[in-house]
Amino acid sequence: MLALRLLALFVGALAGLFGAAFADAQESPSTAPILRIETGMHAAAINKLALSEANGQLVTVSDDKTARLWSLADGRLLDTLRVPIAPGAEGSLYAVALPPSGRSIA
């Protein structure tokens, strides 16, 4: 009887250890790099865009998990904004907004 109790405690402790390790692995973001080729344009469908007439800029967000800032005057790419990404939906961008001043992007 004592041996069964000790075995049950041992198995319970092992399950707790492995469960905690698995939970930590699921919650912490990966540090492995995800390589992408920079094409100078979006590599997937554009979901939304926002205009700032105050400074003549356009911001687009895409399924390629980037936001890109464009010049309205000549259509030139000014900057590519990257968020932390992972396989699946993490890092997906579905909307974008610019205030009238054009000084920030949301």
PDB file of N, CA and C in Angstrom:
ATOM      1  N   MET A   1       0.826  -1.188   0.000  1.00  0.00           N
ATOM      2  CA  MET A   1       0.000   0.000   0.000  1.00  0.00           C
ATOM      3  C   MET A   1       0.877   1.261   0.000  1.00  0.00           C
ATOM      4  N   LEU A   2       1.905   1.255   0.821  1.00  0.00           N
ATOM      5  CA  LEU A   2       2.817   2.392   0.884  1.00  0.00           C
ATOM      6  C   LEU A   2       3.547   2.566  -0.450  1.00  0.00           C
ATOM      7  N   ALA A   3       3.907   1.472  -1.069  1.00  0.00           N
ATOM      8  CA  ALA A   3       4.598   1.530  -2.361  1.00  0.00           C
ATOM      9  C   ALA A   3       3.703   2.160  -3.421  1.00  0.00           C
ATOM     10  N   LEU A   4       2.415   1.852  -3.412  1.00  0.00           N
ATOM     11  CA  LEU A   4       1.482   2.449  -4.378  1.00  0.00           C
ATOM     12  C   LEU A   4       1.333   3.946  -4.150  1.00  0.00           C
ATOM     13  N   ARG A   5       1.302   4.363  -2.902  1.00  0.00           N
ATOM     14  CA  ARG A   5       1.196   5.796  -2.600  1.00  0.00           C
ATOM     15  C   ARG A   5       2.454   6.542  -3.064  1.00  0.00           C
ATOM     16  N   LEU A   6       3.616   5.940  -2.788  1.00  0.00           N
ATOM     17  CA  LEU A   6       4.864   6.562  -3.225  1.00  0.00           C
ATOM     18  C   LEU A   6       4.940   6.639  -4.753  1.00  0.00           C
ATOM     19  N   LEU A   7       4.491   5.572  -5.409  1.00  0.00           N
ATOM     20  CA  LEU A   7       4.479   5.572  -6.873  1.00  0.00           C
ATOM     21  C   LEU A   7       3.533   6.646  -7.402  1.00  0.00           C
ATOM     22  N   ALA A   8       2.373   6.788  -6.786  1.00  0.00           N
ATOM     23  CA  ALA A   8       1.410   7.813  -7.206  1.00  0.00           C
ATOM     24  C   ALA A   8       1.992   9.208  -7.010  1.00  0.00           C
ATOM     25  N   LEU A   9       2.682   9.453  -5.902  1.00  0.00           N
ATOM     26  CA  LEU A   9       3.311  10.744  -5.655  1.00  0.00           C
ATOM     27  C   LEU A   9       4.410  11.020  -6.680  1.00  0.00           C
ATOM     28  N   PHE A  10       5.210  10.005  -6.992  1.00  0.00           N
ATOM     29  CA  PHE A  10       6.287  10.151  -7.963  1.00  0.00           C
ATOM     30  C   PHE A  10       5.726  10.476  -9.344  1.00  0.00           C
ATOM     31  N   VAL A  11       4.706   9.746  -9.760  1.00  0.00           N
ATOM     32  CA  VAL A  11       4.086   9.994 -11.072  1.00  0.00           C
ATOM     33  C   VAL A  11       3.457  11.385 -11.098  1.00  0.00           C
ATOM     34  N   GLY A  12       2.807  11.779 -10.016  1.00  0.00           N
ATOM     35  CA  GLY A  12       2.212  13.115  -9.936  1.00  0.00           C
ATOM     36  C   GLY A  12       3.262  14.214 -10.024  1.00  0.00           C
ATOM     37  N   ALA A  13       4.386  14.007  -9.362  1.00  0.00           N
ATOM     38  CA  ALA A  13       5.469  14.997  -9.411  1.00  0.00           C
ATOM     39  C   ALA A  13       6.040  15.098 -10.816  1.00  0.00           C
ATOM     40  N   LEU A  14       6.235  13.954 -11.466  1.00  0.00           N
ATOM     41  CA  LEU A  14       6.740  13.973 -12.845  1.00  0.00           C
ATOM     42  C   LEU A  14       5.767  14.688 -13.782  1.00  0.00           C
ATOM     43  N   ALA A  15       4.485  14.406 -13.633  1.00  0.00           N
ATOM     44  CA  ALA A  15       3.480  15.058 -14.476  1.00  0.00           C
ATOM     45  C   ALA A  15       3.504  16.566 -14.256  1.00  0.00           C
ATOM     46  N   GLY A  16       3.667  16.989 -13.002  1.00  0.00           N
ATOM     47  CA  GLY A  16       3.746  18.413 -12.704  1.00  0.00           C
ATOM     48  C   GLY A  16       4.964  19.063 -13.332  1.00  0.00           C
ATOM     49  N   LEU A  17       6.096  18.382 -13.270  1.00  0.00           N
ATOM     50  CA  LEU A  17       7.312  18.929 -13.868  1.00  0.00           C
ATOM     51  C   LEU A  17       7.191  19.053 -15.381  1.00  0.00           C
ATOM     52  N   PHE A  18       6.724  17.989 -16.016  1.00  0.00           N
ATOM     53  CA  PHE A  18       6.599  18.037 -17.475  1.00  0.00           C
ATOM     54  C   PHE A  18       5.510  19.005 -17.907  1.00  0.00           C
ATOM     55  N   GLY A  19       4.437  19.090 -17.147  1.00  0.00           N
ATOM     56  CA  GLY A  19       3.368  20.026 -17.485  1.00  0.00           C
ATOM     57  C   GLY A  19       3.843  21.463 -17.392  1.00  0.00           C
ATOM     58  N   ALA A  20       4.612  21.791 -16.341  1.00  0.00           N
ATOM     59  CA  ALA A  20       5.138  23.156 -16.183  1.00  0.00           C
ATOM     60  C   ALA A  20       6.122  23.476 -17.295  1.00  0.00           C
ATOM     61  N   ALA A  21       6.974  22.525 -17.647  1.00  0.00           N
ATOM     62  CA  ALA A  21       7.935  22.762 -18.731  1.00  0.00           C
ATOM     63  C   ALA A  21       7.214  22.975 -20.045  1.00  0.00           C
ATOM     64  N   PHE A  22       6.179  22.204 -20.311  1.00  0.00           N
ATOM     65  CA  PHE A  22       5.417  22.353 -21.550  1.00  0.00           C
ATOM     66  C   PHE A  22       4.692  23.694 -21.580  1.00  0.00           C
ATOM     67  N   ALA A  23       4.119  24.119 -20.453  1.00  0.00           N
ATOM     68  CA  ALA A  23       3.427  25.411 -20.395  1.00  0.00           C
ATOM     69  C   ALA A  23       4.399  26.547 -20.642  1.00  0.00           C
ATOM     70  N   ASP A  24       5.600  26.486 -20.053  1.00  0.00           N
ATOM     71  CA  ASP A  24       6.599  27.533 -20.280  1.00  0.00           C
ATOM     72  C   ASP A  24       7.002  27.596 -21.738  1.00  0.00           C
ATOM     73  N   ALA A  25       7.153  26.450 -22.373  1.00  0.00           N
ATOM     74  CA  ALA A  25       7.542  26.417 -23.784  1.00  0.00           C
ATOM     75  C   ALA A  25       6.454  27.023 -24.663  1.00  0.00           C
ATOM     76  N   GLN A  26       5.208  26.872 -24.303  1.00  0.00           N
ATOM     77  CA  GLN A  26       4.109  27.404 -25.085  1.00  0.00           C
ATOM     78  C   GLN A  26       3.953  28.915 -24.898  1.00  0.00           C
ATOM     79  N   GLU A  27       4.275  29.440 -23.723  1.00  0.00           N
ATOM     80  CA  GLU A  27       4.044  30.841 -23.431  1.00  0.00           C
ATOM     81  C   GLU A  27       5.179  31.760 -23.876  1.00  0.00           C
ATOM     82  N   SER A  28       6.390  31.265 -23.912  1.00  0.00           N
ATOM     83  CA  SER A  28       7.504  32.123 -24.272  1.00  0.00           C
ATOM     84  C   SER A  28       7.649  32.193 -25.791  1.00  0.00           C
ATOM     85  N   PRO A  29       7.861  33.384 -26.332  1.00  0.00           N
ATOM     86  CA  PRO A  29       8.006  33.509 -27.785  1.00  0.00           C
ATOM     87  C   PRO A  29       9.303  32.874 -28.268  1.00  0.00           C
ATOM     88  N   SER A  30       9.280  32.417 -29.474  1.00  0.00           N
ATOM     89  CA  SER A  30      10.461  31.807 -30.065  1.00  0.00           C
ATOM     90  C   SER A  30      11.511  32.876 -30.359  1.00  0.00           C
ATOM     91  N   THR A  31      12.754  32.512 -30.201  1.00  0.00           N
ATOM     92  CA  THR A  31      13.841  33.437 -30.529  1.00  0.00           C
ATOM     93  C   THR A  31      14.520  33.050 -31.841  1.00  0.00           C
ATOM     94  N   ALA A  32      14.023  31.997 -32.480  1.00  0.00           N
ATOM     95  CA  ALA A  32      14.594  31.570 -33.756  1.00  0.00           C
ATOM     96  C   ALA A  32      14.240  32.600 -34.839  1.00  0.00           C
ATOM     97  N   PRO A  33      15.195  32.961 -35.672  1.00  0.00           N
ATOM     98  CA  PRO A  33      14.904  33.945 -36.722  1.00  0.00           C
ATOM     99  C   PRO A  33      13.970  33.371 -37.782  1.00  0.00           C
ATOM    100  N   ILE A  34      13.136  34.234 -38.330  1.00  0.00           N
ATOM    101  CA  ILE A  34      12.277  33.880 -39.456  1.00  0.00           C
ATOM    102  C   ILE A  34      12.769  34.724 -40.621  1.00  0.00           C
ATOM    103  N   LEU A  35      13.388  34.090 -41.580  1.00  0.00           N
ATOM    104  CA  LEU A  35      14.000  34.815 -42.693  1.00  0.00           C
ATOM    105  C   LEU A  35      12.949  35.212 -43.722  1.00  0.00           C
ATOM    106  N   ARG A  36      13.046  36.434 -44.210  1.00  0.00           N
ATOM    107  CA  ARG A  36      12.151  36.967 -45.235  1.00  0.00           C
ATOM    108  C   ARG A  36      12.982  37.658 -46.301  1.00  0.00           C
ATOM    109  N   ILE A  37      12.549  37.579 -47.534  1.00  0.00           N
ATOM    110  CA  ILE A  37      13.213  38.288 -48.625  1.00  0.00           C
ATOM    111  C   ILE A  37      12.580  39.668 -48.732  1.00  0.00           C
ATOM    112  N   GLU A  38      13.399  40.715 -48.725  1.00  0.00           N
ATOM    113  CA  GLU A  38      12.896  42.081 -48.867  1.00  0.00           C
ATOM    114  C   GLU A  38      12.719  42.388 -50.344  1.00  0.00           C
ATOM    115  N   THR A  39      11.469  42.569 -50.756  1.00  0.00           N
ATOM    116  CA  THR A  39      11.147  42.796 -52.168  1.00  0.00           C
ATOM    117  C   THR A  39      10.960  44.268 -52.505  1.00  0.00           C
ATOM    118  N   GLY A  40      10.890  45.121 -51.476  1.00  0.00           N
ATOM    119  CA  GLY A  40      10.630  46.531 -51.735  1.00  0.00           C
ATOM    120  C   GLY A  40       9.152  46.833 -51.910  1.00  0.00           C
ATOM    121  N   MET A  41       8.324  45.806 -51.756  1.00  0.00           N
ATOM    122  CA  MET A  41       6.870  45.952 -51.822  1.00  0.00           C
ATOM    123  C   MET A  41       6.258  44.821 -51.002  1.00  0.00           C
ATOM    124  N   HIS A  42       4.954  44.846 -50.856  1.00  0.00           N
ATOM    125  CA  HIS A  42       4.290  43.766 -50.131  1.00  0.00           C
ATOM    126  C   HIS A  42       4.375  42.479 -50.927  1.00  0.00           C
ATOM    127  N   ALA A  43       4.483  41.369 -50.213  1.00  0.00           N
ATOM    128  CA  ALA A  43       4.566  40.053 -50.845  1.00  0.00           C
ATOM    129  C   ALA A  43       3.270  39.270 -50.686  1.00  0.00           C
ATOM    130  N   ALA A  44       2.223  39.928 -50.203  1.00  0.00           N
ATOM    131  CA  ALA A  44       0.916  39.289 -50.020  1.00  0.00           C
ATOM    132  C   ALA A  44      -0.163  40.365 -50.136  1.00  0.00           C
ATOM    133  N   ALA A  45      -1.392  39.951 -49.971  1.00  0.00           N
ATOM    134  CA  ALA A  45      -2.526  40.874 -50.107  1.00  0.00           C
ATOM    135  C   ALA A  45      -2.443  42.004 -49.085  1.00  0.00           C
ATOM    136  N   ILE A  46      -2.806  43.216 -49.519  1.00  0.00           N
ATOM    137  CA  ILE A  46      -2.866  44.380 -48.630  1.00  0.00           C
ATOM    138  C   ILE A  46      -4.235  44.378 -47.963  1.00  0.00           C
ATOM    139  N   ASN A  47      -4.249  44.434 -46.636  1.00  0.00           N
ATOM    140  CA  ASN A  47      -5.508  44.385 -45.888  1.00  0.00           C
ATOM    141  C   ASN A  47      -6.152  45.754 -45.723  1.00  0.00           C
ATOM    142  N   LYS A  48      -5.380  46.748 -45.369  1.00  0.00           N
ATOM    143  CA  LYS A  48      -5.909  48.098 -45.117  1.00  0.00           C
ATOM    144  C   LYS A  48      -4.857  49.124 -45.473  1.00  0.00           C
ATOM    145  N   LEU A  49      -5.312  50.374 -45.618  1.00  0.00           N
ATOM    146  CA  LEU A  49      -4.395  51.487 -45.824  1.00  0.00           C
ATOM    147  C   LEU A  49      -4.929  52.707 -45.122  1.00  0.00           C
ATOM    148  N   ALA A  50      -4.034  53.637 -44.842  1.00  0.00           N
ATOM    149  CA  ALA A  50      -4.400  54.894 -44.196  1.00  0.00           C
ATOM    150  C   ALA A  50      -3.587  56.006 -44.847  1.00  0.00           C
ATOM    151  N   LEU A  51      -4.233  57.147 -45.058  1.00  0.00           N
ATOM    152  CA  LEU A  51      -3.596  58.311 -45.685  1.00  0.00           C
ATOM    153  C   LEU A  51      -3.353  59.407 -44.663  1.00  0.00           C
ATOM    154  N   SER A  52      -2.253  60.114 -44.834  1.00  0.00           N
ATOM    155  CA  SER A  52      -1.979  61.314 -44.054  1.00  0.00           C
ATOM    156  C   SER A  52      -1.699  62.437 -45.044  1.00  0.00           C
ATOM    157  N   GLU A  53      -2.692  63.264 -45.269  1.00  0.00           N
ATOM    158  CA  GLU A  53      -2.506  64.380 -46.195  1.00  0.00           C
ATOM    159  C   GLU A  53      -1.584  65.447 -45.615  1.00  0.00           C
ATOM    160  N   ALA A  54      -1.497  65.498 -44.275  1.00  0.00           N
ATOM    161  CA  ALA A  54      -0.663  66.509 -43.629  1.00  0.00           C
ATOM    162  C   ALA A  54       0.806  66.359 -44.025  1.00  0.00           C
ATOM    163  N   ASN A  55       1.289  65.138 -44.134  1.00  0.00           N
ATOM    164  CA  ASN A  55       2.690  64.949 -44.509  1.00  0.00           C
ATOM    165  C   ASN A  55       2.851  64.142 -45.796  1.00  0.00           C
ATOM    166  N   GLY A  56       1.759  63.936 -46.532  1.00  0.00           N
ATOM    167  CA  GLY A  56       1.840  63.279 -47.836  1.00  0.00           C
ATOM    168  C   GLY A  56       2.311  61.839 -47.788  1.00  0.00           C
ATOM    169  N   GLN A  57       1.791  61.071 -46.820  1.00  0.00           N
ATOM    170  CA  GLN A  57       2.212  59.684 -46.682  1.00  0.00           C
ATOM    171  C   GLN A  57       1.026  58.732 -46.660  1.00  0.00           C
ATOM    172  N   LEU A  58       1.310  57.498 -47.034  1.00  0.00           N
ATOM    173  CA  LEU A  58       0.335  56.419 -47.053  1.00  0.00           C
ATOM    174  C   LEU A  58       0.945  55.255 -46.292  1.00  0.00           C
ATOM    175  N   VAL A  59       0.147  54.583 -45.459  1.00  0.00           N
ATOM    176  CA  VAL A  59       0.591  53.392 -44.747  1.00  0.00           C
ATOM    177  C   VAL A  59      -0.284  52.240 -45.171  1.00  0.00           C
ATOM    178  N   THR A  60       0.343  51.097 -45.498  1.00  0.00           N
ATOM    179  CA  THR A  60      -0.393  49.893 -45.858  1.00  0.00           C
ATOM    180  C   THR A  60       0.027  48.761 -44.930  1.00  0.00           C
ATOM    181  N   VAL A  61      -0.927  47.858 -44.613  1.00  0.00           N
ATOM    182  CA  VAL A  61      -0.616  46.648 -43.855  1.00  0.00           C
ATOM    183  C   VAL A  61      -1.055  45.453 -44.687  1.00  0.00           C
ATOM    184  N   SER A  62      -0.293  44.373 -44.563  1.00  0.00           N
ATOM    185  CA  SER A  62      -0.483  43.254 -45.466  1.00  0.00           C
ATOM    186  C   SER A  62      -0.450  41.919 -44.737  1.00  0.00           C
ATOM    187  N   ASP A  63      -0.893  40.881 -45.455  1.00  0.00           N
ATOM    188  CA  ASP A  63      -0.805  39.519 -44.939  1.00  0.00           C
ATOM    189  C   ASP A  63       0.639  39.041 -44.831  1.00  0.00           C
ATOM    190  N   ASP A  64       1.602  39.797 -45.369  1.00  0.00           N
ATOM    191  CA  ASP A  64       3.013  39.423 -45.212  1.00  0.00           C
ATOM    192  C   ASP A  64       3.572  39.865 -43.857  1.00  0.00           C
ATOM    193  N   LYS A  65       2.694  40.379 -42.988  1.00  0.00           N
ATOM    194  CA  LYS A  65       3.011  40.779 -41.617  1.00  0.00           C
ATOM    195  C   LYS A  65       3.944  41.976 -41.552  1.00  0.00           C
ATOM    196  N   THR A  66       3.811  42.890 -42.518  1.00  0.00           N
ATOM    197  CA  THR A  66       4.561  44.141 -42.488  1.00  0.00           C
ATOM    198  C   THR A  66       3.607  45.309 -42.667  1.00  0.00           C
ATOM    199  N   ALA A  67       4.039  46.452 -42.177  1.00  0.00           N
ATOM    200  CA  ALA A  67       3.384  47.722 -42.469  1.00  0.00           C
ATOM    201  C   ALA A  67       4.412  48.525 -43.264  1.00  0.00           C
ATOM    202  N   ARG A  68       3.954  49.164 -44.327  1.00  0.00           N
ATOM    203  CA  ARG A  68       4.892  49.922 -45.171  1.00  0.00           C
ATOM    204  C   ARG A  68       4.412  51.353 -45.302  1.00  0.00           C
ATOM    205  N   LEU A  69       5.378  52.257 -45.222  1.00  0.00           N
ATOM    206  CA  LEU A  69       5.122  53.691 -45.306  1.00  0.00           C
ATOM    207  C   LEU A  69       5.577  54.166 -46.680  1.00  0.00           C
ATOM    208  N   TRP A  70       4.666  54.811 -47.410  1.00  0.00           N
ATOM    209  CA  TRP A  70       4.918  55.243 -48.794  1.00  0.00           C
ATOM    210  C   TRP A  70       4.779  56.749 -48.908  1.00  0.00           C
ATOM    211  N   SER A  71       5.496  57.334 -49.855  1.00  0.00           N
ATOM    212  CA  SER A  71       5.361  58.746 -50.185  1.00  0.00           C
ATOM    213  C   SER A  71       4.232  58.894 -51.198  1.00  0.00           C
ATOM    214  N   LEU A  72       3.281  59.786 -50.925  1.00  0.00           N
ATOM    215  CA  LEU A  72       2.193  60.021 -51.871  1.00  0.00           C
ATOM    216  C   LEU A  72       2.671  60.779 -53.104  1.00  0.00           C
ATOM    217  N   ALA A  73       3.677  61.594 -52.951  1.00  0.00           N
ATOM    218  CA  ALA A  73       4.155  62.430 -54.056  1.00  0.00           C
ATOM    219  C   ALA A  73       4.722  61.604 -55.201  1.00  0.00           C
ATOM    220  N   ASP A  74       5.533  60.594 -54.875  1.00  0.00           N
ATOM    221  CA  ASP A  74       6.188  59.830 -55.945  1.00  0.00           C
ATOM    222  C   ASP A  74       6.011  58.316 -55.822  1.00  0.00           C
ATOM    223  N   GLY A  75       5.251  57.827 -54.831  1.00  0.00           N
ATOM    224  CA  GLY A  75       5.013  56.394 -54.677  1.00  0.00           C
ATOM    225  C   GLY A  75       6.198  55.611 -54.152  1.00  0.00           C
ATOM    226  N   ARG A  76       7.199  56.301 -53.654  1.00  0.00           N
ATOM    227  CA  ARG A  76       8.428  55.668 -53.166  1.00  0.00           C
ATOM    228  C   ARG A  76       8.202  55.069 -51.778  1.00  0.00           C
ATOM    229  N   LEU A  77       8.785  53.873 -51.549  1.00  0.00           N
ATOM    230  CA  LEU A  77       8.741  53.239 -50.238  1.00  0.00           C
ATOM    231  C   LEU A  77       9.672  53.987 -49.289  1.00  0.00           C
ATOM    232  N   LEU A  78       9.133  54.474 -48.182  1.00  0.00           N
ATOM    233  CA  LEU A  78       9.923  55.225 -47.213  1.00  0.00           C
ATOM    234  C   LEU A  78      10.455  54.344 -46.083  1.00  0.00           C
ATOM    235  N   ASP A  79       9.635  53.384 -45.645  1.00  0.00           N
ATOM    236  CA  ASP A  79      10.056  52.547 -44.526  1.00  0.00           C
ATOM    237  C   ASP A  79       9.207  51.282 -44.483  1.00  0.00           C
ATOM    238  N   THR A  80       9.789  50.230 -43.936  1.00  0.00           N
ATOM    239  CA  THR A  80       9.073  48.985 -43.690  1.00  0.00           C
ATOM    240  C   THR A  80       9.070  48.756 -42.192  1.00  0.00           C
ATOM    241  N   LEU A  81       7.894  48.611 -41.618  1.00  0.00           N
ATOM    242  CA  LEU A  81       7.735  48.414 -40.181  1.00  0.00           C
ATOM    243  C   LEU A  81       7.423  46.946 -39.935  1.00  0.00           C
ATOM    244  N   ARG A  82       8.196  46.317 -39.072  1.00  0.00           N
ATOM    245  CA  ARG A  82       8.024  44.892 -38.794  1.00  0.00           C
ATOM    246  C   ARG A  82       7.653  44.701 -37.327  1.00  0.00           C
ATOM    247  N   VAL A  83       6.672  43.850 -37.107  1.00  0.00           N
ATOM    248  CA  VAL A  83       6.241  43.494 -35.758  1.00  0.00           C
ATOM    249  C   VAL A  83       6.783  42.107 -35.440  1.00  0.00           C
ATOM    250  N   PRO A  84       6.841  41.720 -34.158  1.00  0.00           N
ATOM    251  CA  PRO A  84       7.255  40.354 -33.837  1.00  0.00           C
ATOM    252  C   PRO A  84       6.287  39.353 -34.479  1.00  0.00           C
ATOM    253  N   ILE A  85       6.828  38.345 -35.149  1.00  0.00           N
ATOM    254  CA  ILE A  85       5.985  37.369 -35.843  1.00  0.00           C
ATOM    255  C   ILE A  85       6.338  35.951 -35.422  1.00  0.00           C
ATOM    256  N   ALA A  86       5.436  35.044 -35.743  1.00  0.00           N
ATOM    257  CA  ALA A  86       5.628  33.611 -35.530  1.00  0.00           C
ATOM    258  C   ALA A  86       4.737  32.907 -36.543  1.00  0.00           C
ATOM    259  N   PRO A  87       4.929  31.625 -36.726  1.00  0.00           N
ATOM    260  CA  PRO A  87       4.014  30.908 -37.620  1.00  0.00           C
ATOM    261  C   PRO A  87       2.572  31.037 -37.131  1.00  0.00           C
ATOM    262  N   GLY A  88       1.651  31.032 -38.037  1.00  0.00           N
ATOM    263  CA  GLY A  88       0.244  31.189 -37.669  1.00  0.00           C
ATOM    264  C   GLY A  88      -0.154  32.653 -37.695  1.00  0.00           C
ATOM    265  N   ALA A  89      -1.059  33.025 -36.811  1.00  0.00           N
ATOM    266  CA  ALA A  89      -1.628  34.374 -36.832  1.00  0.00           C
ATOM    267  C   ALA A  89      -0.788  35.414 -36.090  1.00  0.00           C
ATOM    268  N   GLU A  90       0.193  34.989 -35.292  1.00  0.00           N
ATOM    269  CA  GLU A  90       0.973  35.965 -34.519  1.00  0.00           C
ATOM    270  C   GLU A  90       1.732  36.914 -35.438  1.00  0.00           C
ATOM    271  N   GLY A  91       1.477  38.196 -35.252  1.00  0.00           N
ATOM    272  CA  GLY A  91       2.113  39.215 -36.075  1.00  0.00           C
ATOM    273  C   GLY A  91       1.267  39.658 -37.257  1.00  0.00           C
ATOM    274  N   SER A  92       0.094  39.061 -37.417  1.00  0.00           N
ATOM    275  CA  SER A  92      -0.780  39.463 -38.521  1.00  0.00           C
ATOM    276  C   SER A  92      -1.304  40.875 -38.296  1.00  0.00           C
ATOM    277  N   LEU A  93      -1.356  41.652 -39.353  1.00  0.00           N
ATOM    278  CA  LEU A  93      -1.820  43.038 -39.287  1.00  0.00           C
ATOM    279  C   LEU A  93      -3.099  43.152 -40.112  1.00  0.00           C
ATOM    280  N   TYR A  94      -4.174  43.587 -39.464  1.00  0.00           N
ATOM    281  CA  TYR A  94      -5.472  43.648 -40.124  1.00  0.00           C
ATOM    282  C   TYR A  94      -6.001  45.068 -40.294  1.00  0.00           C
ATOM    283  N   ALA A  95      -5.423  46.030 -39.600  1.00  0.00           N
ATOM    284  CA  ALA A  95      -5.930  47.401 -39.653  1.00  0.00           C
ATOM    285  C   ALA A  95      -4.787  48.377 -39.426  1.00  0.00           C
ATOM    286  N   VAL A  96      -4.996  49.619 -39.859  1.00  0.00           N
ATOM    287  CA  VAL A  96      -4.003  50.669 -39.651  1.00  0.00           C
ATOM    288  C   VAL A  96      -4.741  51.998 -39.555  1.00  0.00           C
ATOM    289  N   ALA A  97      -4.184  52.915 -38.782  1.00  0.00           N
ATOM    290  CA  ALA A  97      -4.784  54.242 -38.638  1.00  0.00           C
ATOM    291  C   ALA A  97      -3.690  55.282 -38.472  1.00  0.00           C
ATOM    292  N   LEU A  98      -3.937  56.452 -39.006  1.00  0.00           N
ATOM    293  CA  LEU A  98      -3.040  57.599 -38.854  1.00  0.00           C
ATOM    294  C   LEU A  98      -3.848  58.768 -38.307  1.00  0.00           C
ATOM    295  N   PRO A  99      -3.304  59.496 -37.331  1.00  0.00           N
ATOM    296  CA  PRO A  99      -3.991  60.702 -36.884  1.00  0.00           C
ATOM    297  C   PRO A  99      -3.825  61.800 -37.946  1.00  0.00           C
ATOM    298  N   PRO A 100      -4.619  62.857 -37.888  1.00  0.00           N
ATOM    299  CA  PRO A 100      -4.499  63.927 -38.874  1.00  0.00           C
ATOM    300  C   PRO A 100      -3.095  64.521 -38.975  1.00  0.00           C
ATOM    301  N   SER A 101      -2.348  64.527 -37.876  1.00  0.00           N
ATOM    302  CA  SER A 101      -0.988  65.089 -37.927  1.00  0.00           C
ATOM    303  C   SER A 101      -0.028  64.183 -38.675  1.00  0.00           C
ATOM    304  N   GLY A 102      -0.316  62.889 -38.744  1.00  0.00           N
ATOM    305  CA  GLY A 102       0.565  61.942 -39.416  1.00  0.00           C
ATOM    306  C   GLY A 102       1.830  61.636 -38.659  1.00  0.00           C
ATOM    307  N   ARG A 103       1.887  61.962 -37.375  1.00  0.00           N
ATOM    308  CA  ARG A 103       3.112  61.758 -36.595  1.00  0.00           C
ATOM    309  C   ARG A 103       3.238  60.375 -35.969  1.00  0.00           C
ATOM    310  N   SER A 104       2.175  59.588 -35.974  1.00  0.00           N
ATOM    311  CA  SER A 104       2.242  58.244 -35.406  1.00  0.00           C
ATOM    312  C   SER A 104       1.393  57.303 -36.250  1.00  0.00           C
ATOM    313  N   ILE A 105       1.626  56.009 -36.053  1.00  0.00           N
ATOM    314  CA  ILE A 105       0.884  54.980 -36.772  1.00  0.00           C
ATOM    315  C   ILE A 105       0.312  54.024 -35.731  1.00  0.00           C
ATOM    316  N   ALA A 106      -0.950  53.684 -35.901  1.00  0.00           N
ATOM    317  CA  ALA A 106      -1.590  52.718 -34.982  1.00  0.00           C
ATOM    318  C   ALA A 106      -2.127  51.558 -35.781  1.00  0.00           C
TER     319      ALA A 106
END
